[in-house]
Every structure is written in structure tokens, then in C-alpha cells.
Amino acid sequence: MIPRDRAGDRIRFSPWTGVGSGHPRSLFVTGIGIGCISTIYLIALGDTSPDEAGSASGALSSIQQLAAGIGSAGVTSIFFSAATSGLGHAMRVTLVVVLVVTAVSIPVVALMPRKAAHETSD
């Protein structure tokens, strides 16, 4: 059985275009993003001791959820502020802001330590 849309046209799928012909190359971008996020867990939890692994994982997950919420709210606020001039304009402004934040974040991430600092016993 060939999947068809409401008009009866065949639905085509490609990993470069997503489902149908009008969608962006979202699968590729999503895959790159997931690959970048998974390394954060390796770096952040790599040197934790087994007795602290649970609390470190919980703290990392909580901070990640908080940052995702703040980031989503910020991007949405920028979009709707710029939407008064049209949705196309709002998308361009939002994309530029996200790209600038990403460009500023990449050098900062490169400065982060690759291993956690060792604790000294007092």
C-alpha cells in the first residue's frame, strides 16, 4: 500500500527533505543536534564517582531542562516581537539571533575543560 495525502497524491519520503516535498531538511539538522547534545553527557558525567553519578545526572538533566525552557521562551519572544512586520521577517530575525548565539557559544564551549577538576580531601 502506497501512502497518499488527502488529495490522493503519493507521499514521498527522503531523509534530506523530510516527509513530502515542502518540508525542510529537518532530519539532517536534528541528527547533528542530537550528536552534539550526547557528547555533553559524556564530558559532564565522565569523571564522576559511582556514588555521585545519580545526583550528577539529575543535576545535569535539571539544568538542561531549565536552559531549554529559557531558550525556547527567548526565541519565541523574539519571533512574536518581530512578527508584527510579517512572518517571513520574524523567521529571518529569529534565525539570525539563533545563529549569532550559536556562533558566540562555540568558542566558549571550546574553552571548557575536558575533564572535571579533582576534589581535594580536607
C-alpha atoms as a PDB file:
ATOM      1  CA  MET A   1       0.000   0.000   0.000  1.00  0.00           C
ATOM      2  CA  ILE A   2       1.408   3.377  -1.018  1.00  0.00           C
ATOM      3  CA  PRO A   3       0.735   6.227   1.466  1.00  0.00           C
ATOM      4  CA  ARG A   4      -1.257   9.062  -0.049  1.00  0.00           C
ATOM      5  CA  ASP A   5      -2.239  12.525   1.154  1.00  0.00           C
ATOM      6  CA  ARG A   6      -5.787  13.960   1.195  1.00  0.00           C
ATOM      7  CA  ALA A   7      -5.577  14.983  -2.463  1.00  0.00           C
ATOM      8  CA  GLY A   8      -4.668  11.425  -3.429  1.00  0.00           C
ATOM      9  CA  ASP A   9      -1.066  12.223  -4.345  1.00  0.00           C
ATOM     10  CA  ARG A  10       1.641   9.807  -3.323  1.00  0.00           C
ATOM     11  CA  ILE A  11       3.568  10.879  -0.204  1.00  0.00           C
ATOM     12  CA  ARG A  12       7.280  10.729  -0.835  1.00  0.00           C
ATOM     13  CA  PHE A  13       9.886  10.479   1.892  1.00  0.00           C
ATOM     14  CA  SER A  14      13.517  11.462   1.700  1.00  0.00           C
ATOM     15  CA  PRO A  15      15.974  11.905   4.591  1.00  0.00           C
ATOM     16  CA  TRP A  16      17.034  15.211   3.019  1.00  0.00           C
ATOM     17  CA  THR A  17      13.580  16.723   2.662  1.00  0.00           C
ATOM     18  CA  GLY A  18      11.527  15.072   5.411  1.00  0.00           C
ATOM     19  CA  VAL A  19       8.038  13.823   4.659  1.00  0.00           C
ATOM     20  CA  GLY A  20       6.576  15.291   1.496  1.00  0.00           C
ATOM     21  CA  SER A  21       8.207  17.798  -0.785  1.00  0.00           C
ATOM     22  CA  GLY A  22       7.517  21.032   1.113  1.00  0.00           C
ATOM     23  CA  HIS A  23       9.319  20.258   4.385  1.00  0.00           C
ATOM     24  CA  PRO A  24      12.827  21.431   5.323  1.00  0.00           C
ATOM     25  CA  ARG A  25      15.852  19.205   5.724  1.00  0.00           C
ATOM     26  CA  SER A  26      14.906  18.717   9.337  1.00  0.00           C
ATOM     27  CA  LEU A  27      16.128  15.176   9.851  1.00  0.00           C
ATOM     28  CA  PHE A  28      19.688  16.122   8.983  1.00  0.00           C
ATOM     29  CA  VAL A  29      19.696  19.125  11.308  1.00  0.00           C
ATOM     30  CA  THR A  30      18.058  17.135  14.109  1.00  0.00           C
ATOM     31  CA  GLY A  31      20.662  14.395  13.790  1.00  0.00           C
ATOM     32  CA  ILE A  32      23.513  16.866  14.083  1.00  0.00           C
ATOM     33  CA  GLY A  33      21.901  18.467  17.126  1.00  0.00           C
ATOM     34  CA  ILE A  34      21.398  15.138  18.875  1.00  0.00           C
ATOM     35  CA  GLY A  35      25.012  14.218  18.169  1.00  0.00           C
ATOM     36  CA  CYS A  36      26.215  17.442  19.778  1.00  0.00           C
ATOM     37  CA  ILE A  37      23.994  17.055  22.847  1.00  0.00           C
ATOM     38  CA  SER A  38      25.053  13.467  23.564  1.00  0.00           C
ATOM     39  CA  THR A  39      28.705  14.482  23.995  1.00  0.00           C
ATOM     40  CA  ILE A  40      27.719  16.892  26.772  1.00  0.00           C
ATOM     41  CA  TYR A  41      26.686  13.949  28.932  1.00  0.00           C
ATOM     42  CA  LEU A  42      29.995  12.161  28.296  1.00  0.00           C
ATOM     43  CA  ILE A  43      32.039  15.211  29.285  1.00  0.00           C
ATOM     44  CA  ALA A  44      29.905  16.209  32.269  1.00  0.00           C
ATOM     45  CA  LEU A  45      29.478  12.751  33.788  1.00  0.00           C
ATOM     46  CA  GLY A  46      32.699  11.112  32.638  1.00  0.00           C
ATOM     47  CA  ASP A  47      34.748  11.651  35.809  1.00  0.00           C
ATOM     48  CA  THR A  48      32.050  11.382  38.462  1.00  0.00           C
ATOM     49  CA  SER A  49      32.448   8.702  41.055  1.00  0.00           C
ATOM     50  CA  PRO A  50      29.849   5.925  41.086  1.00  0.00           C
ATOM     51  CA  ASP A  51      28.376   7.111  44.398  1.00  0.00           C
ATOM     52  CA  GLU A  52      27.796  10.620  42.957  1.00  0.00           C
ATOM     53  CA  ALA A  53      26.639   9.557  39.475  1.00  0.00           C
ATOM     54  CA  GLY A  54      22.929   9.692  40.294  1.00  0.00           C
ATOM     55  CA  SER A  55      22.956  13.188  41.755  1.00  0.00           C
ATOM     56  CA  ALA A  56      25.270  14.470  38.991  1.00  0.00           C
ATOM     57  CA  SER A  57      22.988  13.035  36.314  1.00  0.00           C
ATOM     58  CA  GLY A  58      19.927  14.559  37.971  1.00  0.00           C
ATOM     59  CA  ALA A  59      21.589  17.965  38.276  1.00  0.00           C
ATOM     60  CA  LEU A  60      22.700  17.886  34.631  1.00  0.00           C
ATOM     61  CA  SER A  61      19.231  16.888  33.458  1.00  0.00           C
ATOM     62  CA  SER A  62      17.586  19.621  35.563  1.00  0.00           C
ATOM     63  CA  ILE A  63      19.936  22.323  34.260  1.00  0.00           C
ATOM     64  CA  GLN A  64      19.411  21.129  30.686  1.00  0.00           C
ATOM     65  CA  GLN A  65      15.617  21.284  31.074  1.00  0.00           C
ATOM     66  CA  LEU A  66      15.820  24.757  32.612  1.00  0.00           C
ATOM     67  CA  ALA A  67      18.091  26.019  29.822  1.00  0.00           C
ATOM     68  CA  ALA A  68      15.815  24.523  27.151  1.00  0.00           C
ATOM     69  CA  GLY A  69      12.799  26.264  28.688  1.00  0.00           C
ATOM     70  CA  ILE A  70      14.549  29.625  28.909  1.00  0.00           C
ATOM     71  CA  GLY A  71      15.925  29.281  25.367  1.00  0.00           C
ATOM     72  CA  SER A  72      12.534  28.358  23.924  1.00  0.00           C
ATOM     73  CA  ALA A  73      10.858  31.258  25.691  1.00  0.00           C
ATOM     74  CA  GLY A  74      13.517  33.669  24.433  1.00  0.00           C
ATOM     75  CA  VAL A  75      13.319  32.521  20.823  1.00  0.00           C
ATOM     76  CA  THR A  76       9.513  32.574  20.908  1.00  0.00           C
ATOM     77  CA  SER A  77       9.522  36.104  22.353  1.00  0.00           C
ATOM     78  CA  ILE A  78      11.881  37.300  19.623  1.00  0.00           C
ATOM     79  CA  PHE A  79       9.730  35.670  16.953  1.00  0.00           C
ATOM     80  CA  PHE A  80       6.473  37.231  18.125  1.00  0.00           C
ATOM     81  CA  SER A  81       8.092  40.636  18.636  1.00  0.00           C
ATOM     82  CA  ALA A  82       9.287  40.581  15.020  1.00  0.00           C
ATOM     83  CA  ALA A  83       6.028  39.062  13.708  1.00  0.00           C
ATOM     84  CA  THR A  84       4.363  42.473  13.557  1.00  0.00           C
ATOM     85  CA  SER A  85       6.313  43.035  10.315  1.00  0.00           C
ATOM     86  CA  GLY A  86       5.288  39.686   8.830  1.00  0.00           C
ATOM     87  CA  LEU A  87       6.010  36.034   9.489  1.00  0.00           C
ATOM     88  CA  GLY A  88       8.813  35.821   6.923  1.00  0.00           C
ATOM     89  CA  HIS A  89      10.575  38.727   8.566  1.00  0.00           C
ATOM     90  CA  ALA A  90      10.072  37.144  12.004  1.00  0.00           C
ATOM     91  CA  MET A  91      11.613  33.867  10.813  1.00  0.00           C
ATOM     92  CA  ARG A  92      14.652  35.676   9.393  1.00  0.00           C
ATOM     93  CA  VAL A  93      15.186  37.722  12.566  1.00  0.00           C
ATOM     94  CA  THR A  94      14.809  34.660  14.769  1.00  0.00           C
ATOM     95  CA  LEU A  95      17.194  32.639  12.611  1.00  0.00           C
ATOM     96  CA  VAL A  96      19.819  35.388  12.723  1.00  0.00           C
ATOM     97  CA  VAL A  97      19.551  35.643  16.521  1.00  0.00           C
ATOM     98  CA  VAL A  98      19.878  31.864  16.954  1.00  0.00           C
ATOM     99  CA  LEU A  99      22.865  31.749  14.596  1.00  0.00           C
ATOM    100  CA  VAL A 100      24.589  34.613  16.447  1.00  0.00           C
ATOM    101  CA  VAL A 101      24.045  32.919  19.822  1.00  0.00           C
ATOM    102  CA  THR A 102      25.398  29.668  18.361  1.00  0.00           C
ATOM    103  CA  ALA A 103      28.433  31.426  16.868  1.00  0.00           C
ATOM    104  CA  VAL A 104      29.204  33.060  20.225  1.00  0.00           C
ATOM    105  CA  SER A 105      28.677  29.791  22.132  1.00  0.00           C
ATOM    106  CA  ILE A 106      31.027  27.630  20.053  1.00  0.00           C
ATOM    107  CA  PRO A 107      34.259  29.382  21.147  1.00  0.00           C
ATOM    108  CA  VAL A 108      33.049  29.417  24.761  1.00  0.00           C
ATOM    109  CA  VAL A 109      32.428  25.665  24.667  1.00  0.00           C
ATOM    110  CA  ALA A 110      35.928  25.137  23.270  1.00  0.00           C
ATOM    111  CA  LEU A 111      37.338  26.827  26.401  1.00  0.00           C
ATOM    112  CA  MET A 112      35.555  24.457  28.765  1.00  0.00           C
ATOM    113  CA  PRO A 113      37.659  21.792  30.475  1.00  0.00           C
ATOM    114  CA  ARG A 114      37.538  18.299  29.004  1.00  0.00           C
ATOM    115  CA  LYS A 115      37.705  16.638  32.417  1.00  0.00           C
ATOM    116  CA  ALA A 116      36.222  17.559  35.775  1.00  0.00           C
ATOM    117  CA  ALA A 117      38.534  19.028  38.375  1.00  0.00           C
ATOM    118  CA  HIS A 118      39.674  16.543  41.006  1.00  0.00           C
ATOM    119  CA  GLU A 119      38.454  17.161  44.532  1.00  0.00           C
ATOM    120  CA  THR A 120      40.960  17.545  47.306  1.00  0.00           C
ATOM    121  CA  SER A 121      40.207  15.941  50.664  1.00  0.00           C
ATOM    122  CA  ASP A 122      40.266  18.326  53.575  1.00  0.00           C
END
